[in-house]
Amino acid sequence: MSSTMPIMDGIEATKKLQSMGITMMIVRITTPDNNEKYHKEFMEAGRDECYEKPLTKDILQILVEKISNKV
C-alpha cells in the first residue's frame, strides 16, 4: 500500500516546514505575472527571498553567497 503526500502550495509548505522546526533559508522562484497579494502572503509565511524567472548567473551568485553566509 502506498501513501500519498498532500499537495500544498508554497505558502502551506513554508508554514509546514516552520512548524516542524526547520530553519533553513526558504527562497521563492516565481513567474513575473504572479500577483502581489500572493507574494505578500508568501513573505508573511516566513520566506527569506523571492526572485523572478528567469534566474540569471548574478541572481544565482547572490543566492550562493547568502546560503554560504548562513552555514
Protein backbone atom coordinates (compact mmCIF):
# COMPACT_ATOMS: atom_id res chain seq x y z
CA MET A 1 0.00 0.00 0.00
CA SER A 2 1.46 3.38 -0.95
CA SER A 3 0.83 6.57 0.90
CA THR A 4 0.37 9.86 -0.87
CA MET A 5 1.60 13.20 0.33
CA PRO A 6 -0.86 16.06 0.39
CA ILE A 7 -0.47 18.66 -2.31
CA MET A 8 0.48 22.03 -0.85
CA ASP A 9 1.12 25.42 -2.34
CA GLY A 10 4.28 27.31 -1.39
CA ILE A 11 2.65 29.17 1.49
CA GLU A 12 1.36 25.96 3.08
CA ALA A 13 4.70 24.21 2.55
CA THR A 14 6.59 27.11 4.17
CA LYS A 15 4.29 27.09 7.21
CA LYS A 16 4.59 23.29 7.49
CA LEU A 17 8.39 23.42 7.38
CA GLN A 18 8.43 26.06 10.09
CA SER A 19 6.00 24.09 12.27
CA MET A 20 8.44 21.16 12.01
CA GLY A 21 11.25 23.34 13.35
CA ILE A 22 13.06 23.64 10.01
CA THR A 23 15.15 26.81 9.99
CA MET A 24 16.74 26.65 6.54
CA MET A 25 16.59 29.54 4.11
CA ILE A 26 13.39 29.46 2.05
CA VAL A 27 13.53 31.01 -1.42
CA ARG A 28 10.61 31.54 -3.76
CA ILE A 29 11.17 31.43 -7.50
CA THR A 30 8.19 32.89 -9.33
CA THR A 31 6.97 33.99 -12.70
CA PRO A 32 6.75 37.71 -13.39
CA ASP A 33 2.96 37.51 -13.61
CA ASN A 34 2.39 36.28 -10.02
CA ASN A 35 0.12 38.69 -8.20
CA GLU A 36 1.21 40.97 -5.36
CA LYS A 37 -1.29 39.55 -2.84
CA TYR A 38 0.18 36.06 -3.16
CA HIS A 39 3.70 37.49 -2.89
CA LYS A 40 2.76 39.31 0.33
CA GLU A 41 1.19 36.15 1.81
CA PHE A 42 4.32 34.22 0.95
CA MET A 43 6.55 36.78 2.67
CA GLU A 44 4.32 36.74 5.74
CA ALA A 45 4.57 32.94 5.83
CA GLY A 46 8.27 33.29 6.51
CA ARG A 47 10.10 33.19 3.23
CA ASP A 48 13.57 34.70 3.13
CA GLU A 49 13.91 35.67 -0.53
CA CYS A 50 11.89 35.99 -3.72
CA TYR A 51 13.22 36.03 -7.28
CA GLU A 52 11.51 36.11 -10.64
CA LYS A 53 12.25 33.78 -13.52
CA PRO A 54 14.42 33.60 -15.47
CA LEU A 55 17.22 33.21 -12.94
CA THR A 56 20.44 34.78 -14.07
CA LYS A 57 24.01 33.93 -13.18
CA ASP A 58 24.11 37.06 -10.98
CA ILE A 59 21.00 36.04 -9.03
CA LEU A 60 22.35 32.53 -8.52
CA GLN A 61 25.64 34.01 -7.28
CA ILE A 62 23.73 36.17 -4.76
CA LEU A 63 21.84 33.10 -3.53
CA VAL A 64 25.03 31.05 -3.16
CA GLU A 65 26.65 33.86 -1.15
CA LYS A 66 23.61 34.21 1.12
CA ILE A 67 23.47 30.45 1.69
CA SER A 68 27.22 30.36 2.38
CA ASN A 69 26.86 33.11 4.99
CA LYS A 70 24.10 31.17 6.80
CA VAL A 71 26.11 27.95 7.08
